[in-house]
């Protein structure tokens, strides 16, 4: 069994980035022991009417991807007991995914 590894996610969103469709942009980077293992930058599927809605959408995506990374690491025999840290630029999106 490998020692436990730290998983950190860096997230951000840009509310109503696209001036024509008013769709927001999601940005996500997942690090395992300071090594980037997953990157995502895409336009959100729904039009959010507020910054809070945009941040909520990016957090949903982030938690789903962290769960996938944690599952993959456990499958490879890596010990994962502690929560993963999610860092963003807004107090409304700070969260520990576990």
PDB file of N, CA and C in Angstrom:
ATOM      1  N   UNK A   1       0.853  -1.183   0.000  1.00  0.00           N
ATOM      2  CA  UNK A   1       0.000   0.000   0.000  1.00  0.00           C
ATOM      3  C   UNK A   1       0.893   1.238   0.000  1.00  0.00           C
ATOM      4  N   UNK A   2       0.630   2.150  -0.917  1.00  0.00           N
ATOM      5  CA  UNK A   2       1.379   3.393  -1.038  1.00  0.00           C
ATOM      6  C   UNK A   2       0.898   4.371   0.031  1.00  0.00           C
ATOM      7  N   UNK A   3       1.806   5.243   0.532  1.00  0.00           N
ATOM      8  CA  UNK A   3       1.411   6.261   1.497  1.00  0.00           C
ATOM      9  C   UNK A   3       0.327   7.154   0.917  1.00  0.00           C
ATOM     10  N   UNK A   4      -0.453   7.771   1.811  1.00  0.00           N
ATOM     11  CA  UNK A   4      -1.551   8.622   1.369  1.00  0.00           C
ATOM     12  C   UNK A   4      -1.044   9.825   0.588  1.00  0.00           C
ATOM     13  N   UNK A   5      -1.761  10.172  -0.463  1.00  0.00           N
ATOM     14  CA  UNK A   5      -1.406  11.311  -1.304  1.00  0.00           C
ATOM     15  C   UNK A   5      -2.408  12.437  -1.114  1.00  0.00           C
ATOM     16  N   UNK A   6      -1.934  13.669  -1.235  1.00  0.00           N
ATOM     17  CA  UNK A   6      -2.775  14.848  -1.091  1.00  0.00           C
ATOM     18  C   UNK A   6      -3.375  15.208  -2.445  1.00  0.00           C
ATOM     19  N   UNK A   7      -4.695  15.460  -2.455  1.00  0.00           N
ATOM     20  CA  UNK A   7      -5.396  15.855  -3.676  1.00  0.00           C
ATOM     21  C   UNK A   7      -5.929  17.271  -3.473  1.00  0.00           C
ATOM     22  N   UNK A   8      -5.575  18.163  -4.392  1.00  0.00           N
ATOM     23  CA  UNK A   8      -6.016  19.558  -4.334  1.00  0.00           C
ATOM     24  C   UNK A   8      -6.652  19.918  -5.672  1.00  0.00           C
ATOM     25  N   UNK A   9      -7.784  20.604  -5.613  1.00  0.00           N
ATOM     26  CA  UNK A   9      -8.448  21.076  -6.828  1.00  0.00           C
ATOM     27  C   UNK A   9      -8.471  22.601  -6.814  1.00  0.00           C
ATOM     28  N   UNK A  10      -8.082  23.200  -7.916  1.00  0.00           N
ATOM     29  CA  UNK A  10      -8.140  24.652  -8.093  1.00  0.00           C
ATOM     30  C   UNK A  10      -9.250  24.935  -9.097  1.00  0.00           C
ATOM     31  N   UNK A  11     -10.226  25.756  -8.700  1.00  0.00           N
ATOM     32  CA  UNK A  11     -11.391  25.992  -9.554  1.00  0.00           C
ATOM     33  C   UNK A  11     -11.666  27.480  -9.716  1.00  0.00           C
ATOM     34  N   UNK A  12     -12.287  27.806 -10.841  1.00  0.00           N
ATOM     35  CA  UNK A  12     -12.731  29.181 -11.081  1.00  0.00           C
ATOM     36  C   UNK A  12     -13.805  29.150 -12.158  1.00  0.00           C
ATOM     37  N   UNK A  13     -14.607  30.174 -12.178  1.00  0.00           N
ATOM     38  CA  UNK A  13     -15.610  30.308 -13.230  1.00  0.00           C
ATOM     39  C   UNK A  13     -15.711  31.772 -13.616  1.00  0.00           C
ATOM     40  N   UNK A  14     -16.138  31.996 -14.840  1.00  0.00           N
ATOM     41  CA  UNK A  14     -16.302  33.344 -15.369  1.00  0.00           C
ATOM     42  C   UNK A  14     -17.763  33.496 -15.766  1.00  0.00           C
ATOM     43  N   UNK A  15     -18.526  34.195 -14.934  1.00  0.00           N
ATOM     44  CA  UNK A  15     -19.968  34.348 -15.144  1.00  0.00           C
ATOM     45  C   UNK A  15     -20.247  35.134 -16.427  1.00  0.00           C
ATOM     46  N   UNK A  16     -21.114  34.582 -17.279  1.00  0.00           N
ATOM     47  CA  UNK A  16     -21.569  35.218 -18.526  1.00  0.00           C
ATOM     48  C   UNK A  16     -20.397  35.644 -19.412  1.00  0.00           C
ATOM     49  N   UNK A  17     -19.403  34.772 -19.529  1.00  0.00           N
ATOM     50  CA  UNK A  17     -18.199  35.056 -20.320  1.00  0.00           C
ATOM     51  C   UNK A  17     -18.525  35.306 -21.793  1.00  0.00           C
ATOM     52  N   UNK A  18     -19.351  34.448 -22.374  1.00  0.00           N
ATOM     53  CA  UNK A  18     -19.710  34.576 -23.783  1.00  0.00           C
ATOM     54  C   UNK A  18     -20.749  35.690 -23.929  1.00  0.00           C
ATOM     55  N   UNK A  19     -20.413  36.750 -24.637  1.00  0.00           N
ATOM     56  CA  UNK A  19     -21.292  37.921 -24.759  1.00  0.00           C
ATOM     57  C   UNK A  19     -22.541  37.649 -25.588  1.00  0.00           C
ATOM     58  N   UNK A  20     -22.505  36.640 -26.451  1.00  0.00           N
ATOM     59  CA  UNK A  20     -23.654  36.342 -27.298  1.00  0.00           C
ATOM     60  C   UNK A  20     -24.643  35.427 -26.562  1.00  0.00           C
ATOM     61  N   UNK A  21     -24.149  34.287 -26.048  1.00  0.00           N
ATOM     62  CA  UNK A  21     -25.030  33.305 -25.399  1.00  0.00           C
ATOM     63  C   UNK A  21     -25.155  33.522 -23.897  1.00  0.00           C
ATOM     64  N   UNK A  22     -24.285  34.338 -23.300  1.00  0.00           N
ATOM     65  CA  UNK A  22     -24.257  34.612 -21.859  1.00  0.00           C
ATOM     66  C   UNK A  22     -23.895  33.384 -21.027  1.00  0.00           C
ATOM     67  N   UNK A  23     -23.299  32.391 -21.646  1.00  0.00           N
ATOM     68  CA  UNK A  23     -22.880  31.196 -20.909  1.00  0.00           C
ATOM     69  C   UNK A  23     -21.573  31.468 -20.180  1.00  0.00           C
ATOM     70  N   UNK A  24     -21.412  30.790 -19.067  1.00  0.00           N
ATOM     71  CA  UNK A  24     -20.221  30.953 -18.232  1.00  0.00           C
ATOM     72  C   UNK A  24     -19.160  29.929 -18.599  1.00  0.00           C
ATOM     73  N   UNK A  25     -17.938  30.202 -18.199  1.00  0.00           N
ATOM     74  CA  UNK A  25     -16.802  29.309 -18.441  1.00  0.00           C
ATOM     75  C   UNK A  25     -16.381  28.679 -17.118  1.00  0.00           C
ATOM     76  N   UNK A  26     -16.101  27.372 -17.140  1.00  0.00           N
ATOM     77  CA  UNK A  26     -15.624  26.638 -15.978  1.00  0.00           C
ATOM     78  C   UNK A  26     -14.159  26.294 -16.179  1.00  0.00           C
ATOM     79  N   UNK A  27     -13.349  26.508 -15.139  1.00  0.00           N
ATOM     80  CA  UNK A  27     -11.942  26.117 -15.162  1.00  0.00           C
ATOM     81  C   UNK A  27     -11.638  25.254 -13.955  1.00  0.00           C
ATOM     82  N   UNK A  28     -10.924  24.146 -14.167  1.00  0.00           N
ATOM     83  CA  UNK A  28     -10.657  23.186 -13.097  1.00  0.00           C
ATOM     84  C   UNK A  28      -9.287  22.549 -13.306  1.00  0.00           C
ATOM     85  N   UNK A  29      -8.503  22.478 -12.241  1.00  0.00           N
ATOM     86  CA  UNK A  29      -7.205  21.805 -12.269  1.00  0.00           C
ATOM     87  C   UNK A  29      -7.101  20.954 -11.017  1.00  0.00           C
ATOM     88  N   UNK A  30      -6.859  19.644 -11.176  1.00  0.00           N
ATOM     89  CA  UNK A  30      -6.704  18.742 -10.034  1.00  0.00           C
ATOM     90  C   UNK A  30      -5.248  18.318  -9.955  1.00  0.00           C
ATOM     91  N   UNK A  31      -4.678  18.480  -8.747  1.00  0.00           N
ATOM     92  CA  UNK A  31      -3.288  18.131  -8.482  1.00  0.00           C
ATOM     93  C   UNK A  31      -3.230  16.967  -7.494  1.00  0.00           C
ATOM     94  N   UNK A  32      -2.367  16.002  -7.761  1.00  0.00           N
ATOM     95  CA  UNK A  32      -2.079  14.932  -6.819  1.00  0.00           C
ATOM     96  C   UNK A  32      -0.613  15.070  -6.463  1.00  0.00           C
ATOM     97  N   UNK A  33      -0.344  15.409  -5.198  1.00  0.00           N
ATOM     98  CA  UNK A  33       1.032  15.648  -4.744  1.00  0.00           C
ATOM     99  C   UNK A  33       1.747  16.664  -5.647  1.00  0.00           C
ATOM    100  N   UNK A  34       1.104  17.773  -5.944  1.00  0.00           N
ATOM    101  CA  UNK A  34       1.641  18.879  -6.744  1.00  0.00           C
ATOM    102  C   UNK A  34       1.835  18.542  -8.221  1.00  0.00           C
ATOM    103  N   UNK A  35       1.317  17.401  -8.668  1.00  0.00           N
ATOM    104  CA  UNK A  35       1.405  17.016 -10.069  1.00  0.00           C
ATOM    105  C   UNK A  35       0.029  17.148 -10.714  1.00  0.00           C
ATOM    106  N   UNK A  36      -0.096  17.945 -11.781  1.00  0.00           N
ATOM    107  CA  UNK A  36      -1.397  18.066 -12.446  1.00  0.00           C
ATOM    108  C   UNK A  36      -1.804  16.729 -13.075  1.00  0.00           C
ATOM    109  N   UNK A  37      -3.015  16.261 -12.739  1.00  0.00           N
ATOM    110  CA  UNK A  37      -3.505  15.003 -13.297  1.00  0.00           C
ATOM    111  C   UNK A  37      -4.792  15.184 -14.091  1.00  0.00           C
ATOM    112  N   UNK A  38      -5.450  16.335 -13.923  1.00  0.00           N
ATOM    113  CA  UNK A  38      -6.700  16.569 -14.642  1.00  0.00           C
ATOM    114  C   UNK A  38      -6.882  18.060 -14.846  1.00  0.00           C
ATOM    115  N   UNK A  39      -7.274  18.434 -16.080  1.00  0.00           N
ATOM    116  CA  UNK A  39      -7.525  19.834 -16.403  1.00  0.00           C
ATOM    117  C   UNK A  39      -8.813  19.915 -17.206  1.00  0.00           C
ATOM    118  N   UNK A  40      -9.630  20.925 -16.905  1.00  0.00           N
ATOM    119  CA  UNK A  40     -10.875  21.114 -17.632  1.00  0.00           C
ATOM    120  C   UNK A  40     -11.124  22.601 -17.812  1.00  0.00           C
ATOM    121  N   UNK A  41     -11.455  22.987 -19.019  1.00  0.00           N
ATOM    122  CA  UNK A  41     -11.880  24.348 -19.312  1.00  0.00           C
ATOM    123  C   UNK A  41     -12.969  24.234 -20.360  1.00  0.00           C
ATOM    124  N   UNK A  42     -14.204  24.565 -19.956  1.00  0.00           N
ATOM    125  CA  UNK A  42     -15.301  24.412 -20.907  1.00  0.00           C
ATOM    126  C   UNK A  42     -16.420  25.400 -20.605  1.00  0.00           C
ATOM    127  N   UNK A  43     -17.249  25.589 -21.597  1.00  0.00           N
ATOM    128  CA  UNK A  43     -18.419  26.447 -21.444  1.00  0.00           C
ATOM    129  C   UNK A  43     -19.501  25.639 -20.731  1.00  0.00           C
ATOM    130  N   UNK A  44     -20.132  26.248 -19.737  1.00  0.00           N
ATOM    131  CA  UNK A  44     -21.186  25.563 -18.999  1.00  0.00           C
ATOM    132  C   UNK A  44     -22.407  25.359 -19.885  1.00  0.00           C
ATOM    133  N   UNK A  45     -23.117  24.244 -19.664  1.00  0.00           N
ATOM    134  CA  UNK A  45     -24.257  23.890 -20.495  1.00  0.00           C
ATOM    135  C   UNK A  45     -25.489  24.742 -20.257  1.00  0.00           C
ATOM    136  N   UNK A  46     -25.641  25.259 -19.049  1.00  0.00           N
ATOM    137  CA  UNK A  46     -26.824  26.063 -18.723  1.00  0.00           C
ATOM    138  C   UNK A  46     -26.419  27.522 -18.545  1.00  0.00           C
ATOM    139  N   UNK A  47     -27.365  28.394 -18.758  1.00  0.00           N
ATOM    140  CA  UNK A  47     -27.112  29.818 -18.565  1.00  0.00           C
ATOM    141  C   UNK A  47     -27.441  30.160 -17.113  1.00  0.00           C
ATOM    142  N   UNK A  48     -26.444  30.571 -16.356  1.00  0.00           N
ATOM    143  CA  UNK A  48     -26.643  30.927 -14.950  1.00  0.00           C
ATOM    144  C   UNK A  48     -27.066  32.392 -14.861  1.00  0.00           C
ATOM    145  N   UNK A  49     -28.026  32.662 -13.997  1.00  0.00           N
ATOM    146  CA  UNK A  49     -28.525  34.027 -13.852  1.00  0.00           C
ATOM    147  C   UNK A  49     -27.746  34.827 -12.813  1.00  0.00           C
ATOM    148  N   UNK A  50     -26.813  34.169 -12.115  1.00  0.00           N
ATOM    149  CA  UNK A  50     -26.033  34.867 -11.089  1.00  0.00           C
ATOM    150  C   UNK A  50     -24.655  34.244 -10.964  1.00  0.00           C
ATOM    151  N   UNK A  51     -23.756  34.968 -10.327  1.00  0.00           N
ATOM    152  CA  UNK A  51     -22.417  34.444 -10.065  1.00  0.00           C
ATOM    153  C   UNK A  51     -22.505  33.230  -9.153  1.00  0.00           C
ATOM    154  N   UNK A  52     -23.413  33.265  -8.174  1.00  0.00           N
ATOM    155  CA  UNK A  52     -23.586  32.138  -7.262  1.00  0.00           C
ATOM    156  C   UNK A  52     -23.955  30.870  -8.037  1.00  0.00           C
ATOM    157  N   UNK A  53     -24.861  30.981  -8.987  1.00  0.00           N
ATOM    158  CA  UNK A  53     -25.248  29.829  -9.797  1.00  0.00           C
ATOM    159  C   UNK A  53     -24.083  29.276 -10.594  1.00  0.00           C
ATOM    160  N   UNK A  54     -23.263  30.160 -11.118  1.00  0.00           N
ATOM    161  CA  UNK A  54     -22.077  29.748 -11.867  1.00  0.00           C
ATOM    162  C   UNK A  54     -21.101  29.008 -10.967  1.00  0.00           C
ATOM    163  N   UNK A  55     -20.850  29.556  -9.771  1.00  0.00           N
ATOM    164  CA  UNK A  55     -19.935  28.918  -8.822  1.00  0.00           C
ATOM    165  C   UNK A  55     -20.476  27.564  -8.371  1.00  0.00           C
ATOM    166  N   UNK A  56     -21.786  27.456  -8.203  1.00  0.00           N
ATOM    167  CA  UNK A  56     -22.396  26.193  -7.812  1.00  0.00           C
ATOM    168  C   UNK A  56     -22.172  25.134  -8.889  1.00  0.00           C
ATOM    169  N   UNK A  57     -22.338  25.499 -10.152  1.00  0.00           N
ATOM    170  CA  UNK A  57     -22.119  24.565 -11.264  1.00  0.00           C
ATOM    171  C   UNK A  57     -20.673  24.080 -11.317  1.00  0.00           C
ATOM    172  N   UNK A  58     -19.727  24.991 -11.110  1.00  0.00           N
ATOM    173  CA  UNK A  58     -18.318  24.599 -11.154  1.00  0.00           C
ATOM    174  C   UNK A  58     -17.975  23.697  -9.973  1.00  0.00           C
ATOM    175  N   UNK A  59     -18.589  23.912  -8.819  1.00  0.00           N
ATOM    176  CA  UNK A  59     -18.317  23.047  -7.672  1.00  0.00           C
ATOM    177  C   UNK A  59     -18.890  21.651  -7.889  1.00  0.00           C
ATOM    178  N   UNK A  60     -20.046  21.562  -8.507  1.00  0.00           N
ATOM    179  CA  UNK A  60     -20.634  20.253  -8.806  1.00  0.00           C
ATOM    180  C   UNK A  60     -19.703  19.458  -9.711  1.00  0.00           C
ATOM    181  N   UNK A  61     -19.217  20.084 -10.754  1.00  0.00           N
ATOM    182  CA  UNK A  61     -18.285  19.436 -11.678  1.00  0.00           C
ATOM    183  C   UNK A  61     -17.007  19.034 -10.959  1.00  0.00           C
ATOM    184  N   UNK A  62     -16.500  19.917 -10.101  1.00  0.00           N
ATOM    185  CA  UNK A  62     -15.256  19.647  -9.373  1.00  0.00           C
ATOM    186  C   UNK A  62     -15.392  18.442  -8.460  1.00  0.00           C
ATOM    187  N   UNK A  63     -16.461  18.370  -7.698  1.00  0.00           N
ATOM    188  CA  UNK A  63     -16.654  17.246  -6.774  1.00  0.00           C
ATOM    189  C   UNK A  63     -16.772  15.937  -7.547  1.00  0.00           C
ATOM    190  N   UNK A  64     -17.463  15.943  -8.667  1.00  0.00           N
ATOM    191  CA  UNK A  64     -17.577  14.730  -9.482  1.00  0.00           C
ATOM    192  C   UNK A  64     -16.215  14.270  -9.990  1.00  0.00           C
ATOM    193  N   UNK A  65     -15.378  15.200 -10.439  1.00  0.00           N
ATOM    194  CA  UNK A  65     -14.053  14.835 -10.959  1.00  0.00           C
ATOM    195  C   UNK A  65     -13.119  14.388  -9.840  1.00  0.00           C
ATOM    196  N   UNK A  66     -13.206  15.021  -8.670  1.00  0.00           N
ATOM    197  CA  UNK A  66     -12.381  14.592  -7.531  1.00  0.00           C
ATOM    198  C   UNK A  66     -12.760  13.171  -7.124  1.00  0.00           C
ATOM    199  N   UNK A  67     -14.048  12.873  -7.113  1.00  0.00           N
ATOM    200  CA  UNK A  67     -14.479  11.519  -6.782  1.00  0.00           C
ATOM    201  C   UNK A  67     -13.900  10.500  -7.759  1.00  0.00           C
ATOM    202  N   UNK A  68     -13.838  10.855  -9.030  1.00  0.00           N
ATOM    203  CA  UNK A  68     -13.255   9.959 -10.040  1.00  0.00           C
ATOM    204  C   UNK A  68     -11.768   9.740  -9.793  1.00  0.00           C
ATOM    205  N   UNK A  69     -11.043  10.824  -9.485  1.00  0.00           N
ATOM    206  CA  UNK A  69      -9.599  10.711  -9.221  1.00  0.00           C
ATOM    207  C   UNK A  69      -9.359   9.881  -7.958  1.00  0.00           C
ATOM    208  N   UNK A  70     -10.134  10.129  -6.900  1.00  0.00           N
ATOM    209  CA  UNK A  70      -9.980   9.368  -5.656  1.00  0.00           C
ATOM    210  C   UNK A  70     -10.250   7.881  -5.898  1.00  0.00           C
ATOM    211  N   UNK A  71     -11.285   7.562  -6.684  1.00  0.00           N
ATOM    212  CA  UNK A  71     -11.604   6.175  -6.996  1.00  0.00           C
ATOM    213  C   UNK A  71     -10.456   5.520  -7.763  1.00  0.00           C
ATOM    214  N   UNK A  72      -9.918   6.237  -8.764  1.00  0.00           N
ATOM    215  CA  UNK A  72      -8.814   5.695  -9.551  1.00  0.00           C
ATOM    216  C   UNK A  72      -7.597   5.410  -8.665  1.00  0.00           C
ATOM    217  N   UNK A  73      -7.261   6.352  -7.772  1.00  0.00           N
ATOM    218  CA  UNK A  73      -6.107   6.164  -6.897  1.00  0.00           C
ATOM    219  C   UNK A  73      -6.314   4.989  -5.938  1.00  0.00           C
ATOM    220  N   UNK A  74      -7.520   4.867  -5.388  1.00  0.00           N
ATOM    221  CA  UNK A  74      -7.807   3.723  -4.506  1.00  0.00           C
ATOM    222  C   UNK A  74      -7.681   2.409  -5.280  1.00  0.00           C
ATOM    223  N   UNK A  75      -8.155   2.399  -6.513  1.00  0.00           N
ATOM    224  CA  UNK A  75      -8.068   1.207  -7.359  1.00  0.00           C
ATOM    225  C   UNK A  75      -6.609   0.816  -7.592  1.00  0.00           C
ATOM    226  N   UNK A  76      -5.717   1.836  -7.657  1.00  0.00           N
ATOM    227  CA  UNK A  76      -4.290   1.580  -7.867  1.00  0.00           C
ATOM    228  C   UNK A  76      -3.553   1.273  -6.571  1.00  0.00           C
ATOM    229  N   UNK A  77      -4.275   1.246  -5.441  1.00  0.00           N
ATOM    230  CA  UNK A  77      -3.664   0.871  -4.175  1.00  0.00           C
ATOM    231  C   UNK A  77      -3.158   2.031  -3.339  1.00  0.00           C
ATOM    232  N   UNK A  78      -3.541   3.255  -3.681  1.00  0.00           N
ATOM    233  CA  UNK A  78      -3.112   4.433  -2.928  1.00  0.00           C
ATOM    234  C   UNK A  78      -4.095   4.657  -1.782  1.00  0.00           C
ATOM    235  N   UNK A  79      -3.564   4.891  -0.602  1.00  0.00           N
ATOM    236  CA  UNK A  79      -4.395   5.137   0.578  1.00  0.00           C
ATOM    237  C   UNK A  79      -4.990   6.544   0.493  1.00  0.00           C
ATOM    238  N   UNK A  80      -6.322   6.637   0.541  1.00  0.00           N
ATOM    239  CA  UNK A  80      -7.026   7.918   0.516  1.00  0.00           C
ATOM    240  C   UNK A  80      -8.005   7.926   1.685  1.00  0.00           C
ATOM    241  N   UNK A  81      -7.643   8.602   2.781  1.00  0.00           N
ATOM    242  CA  UNK A  81      -8.500   8.677   3.961  1.00  0.00           C
ATOM    243  C   UNK A  81      -9.001  10.090   4.218  1.00  0.00           C
ATOM    244  N   UNK A  82      -8.177  11.094   3.939  1.00  0.00           N
ATOM    245  CA  UNK A  82      -8.530  12.469   4.253  1.00  0.00           C
ATOM    246  C   UNK A  82      -9.305  13.128   3.110  1.00  0.00           C
ATOM    247  N   UNK A  83     -10.007  14.193   3.455  1.00  0.00           N
ATOM    248  CA  UNK A  83     -10.761  14.946   2.460  1.00  0.00           C
ATOM    249  C   UNK A  83      -9.815  15.644   1.487  1.00  0.00           C
ATOM    250  N   UNK A  84     -10.280  15.876   0.288  1.00  0.00           N
ATOM    251  CA  UNK A  84      -9.516  16.617  -0.710  1.00  0.00           C
ATOM    252  C   UNK A  84      -9.832  18.103  -0.565  1.00  0.00           C
ATOM    253  N   UNK A  85      -8.840  18.933  -0.785  1.00  0.00           N
ATOM    254  CA  UNK A  85      -9.001  20.379  -0.640  1.00  0.00           C
ATOM    255  C   UNK A  85      -9.393  20.995  -1.975  1.00  0.00           C
ATOM    256  N   UNK A  86     -10.424  21.844  -1.950  1.00  0.00           N
ATOM    257  CA  UNK A  86     -10.863  22.575  -3.130  1.00  0.00           C
ATOM    258  C   UNK A  86     -10.613  24.053  -2.882  1.00  0.00           C
ATOM    259  N   UNK A  87      -9.844  24.687  -3.767  1.00  0.00           N
ATOM    260  CA  UNK A  87      -9.507  26.102  -3.610  1.00  0.00           C
ATOM    261  C   UNK A  87     -10.103  26.901  -4.756  1.00  0.00           C
ATOM    262  N   UNK A  88     -10.766  27.993  -4.404  1.00  0.00           N
ATOM    263  CA  UNK A  88     -11.362  28.864  -5.401  1.00  0.00           C
ATOM    264  C   UNK A  88     -11.161  30.312  -5.024  1.00  0.00           C
ATOM    265  N   UNK A  89     -11.738  31.207  -5.798  1.00  0.00           N
ATOM    266  CA  UNK A  89     -11.560  32.638  -5.552  1.00  0.00           C
ATOM    267  C   UNK A  89     -12.764  33.268  -4.862  1.00  0.00           C
ATOM    268  N   UNK A  90     -13.681  32.445  -4.388  1.00  0.00           N
ATOM    269  CA  UNK A  90     -14.897  32.967  -3.770  1.00  0.00           C
ATOM    270  C   UNK A  90     -15.167  32.204  -2.477  1.00  0.00           C
ATOM    271  N   UNK A  91     -15.613  32.906  -1.434  1.00  0.00           N
ATOM    272  CA  UNK A  91     -15.926  32.237  -0.172  1.00  0.00           C
ATOM    273  C   UNK A  91     -17.105  31.283  -0.334  1.00  0.00           C
ATOM    274  N   UNK A  92     -17.951  31.521  -1.311  1.00  0.00           N
ATOM    275  CA  UNK A  92     -19.124  30.661  -1.491  1.00  0.00           C
ATOM    276  C   UNK A  92     -18.769  29.298  -2.041  1.00  0.00           C
ATOM    277  N   UNK A  93     -17.567  29.120  -2.592  1.00  0.00           N
ATOM    278  CA  UNK A  93     -17.242  27.837  -3.209  1.00  0.00           C
ATOM    279  C   UNK A  93     -16.220  27.022  -2.447  1.00  0.00           C
ATOM    280  N   UNK A  94     -15.737  27.489  -1.287  1.00  0.00           N
ATOM    281  CA  UNK A  94     -14.763  26.715  -0.536  1.00  0.00           C
ATOM    282  C   UNK A  94     -15.433  25.494   0.074  1.00  0.00           C
ATOM    283  N   UNK A  95     -14.789  24.347  -0.091  1.00  0.00           N
ATOM    284  CA  UNK A  95     -15.425  23.097   0.264  1.00  0.00           C
ATOM    285  C   UNK A  95     -14.345  22.024   0.412  1.00  0.00           C
ATOM    286  N   UNK A  96     -14.554  21.080   1.294  1.00  0.00           N
ATOM    287  CA  UNK A  96     -13.682  19.915   1.409  1.00  0.00           C
ATOM    288  C   UNK A  96     -14.432  18.716   0.867  1.00  0.00           C
ATOM    289  N   UNK A  97     -13.972  18.184  -0.241  1.00  0.00           N
ATOM    290  CA  UNK A  97     -14.622  17.017  -0.841  1.00  0.00           C
ATOM    291  C   UNK A  97     -14.059  15.763  -0.223  1.00  0.00           C
ATOM    292  N   UNK A  98     -14.922  14.856   0.153  1.00  0.00           N
ATOM    293  CA  UNK A  98     -14.457  13.657   0.816  1.00  0.00           C
ATOM    294  C   UNK A  98     -15.024  12.416   0.330  1.00  0.00           C
TER     295      UNK A  98
END
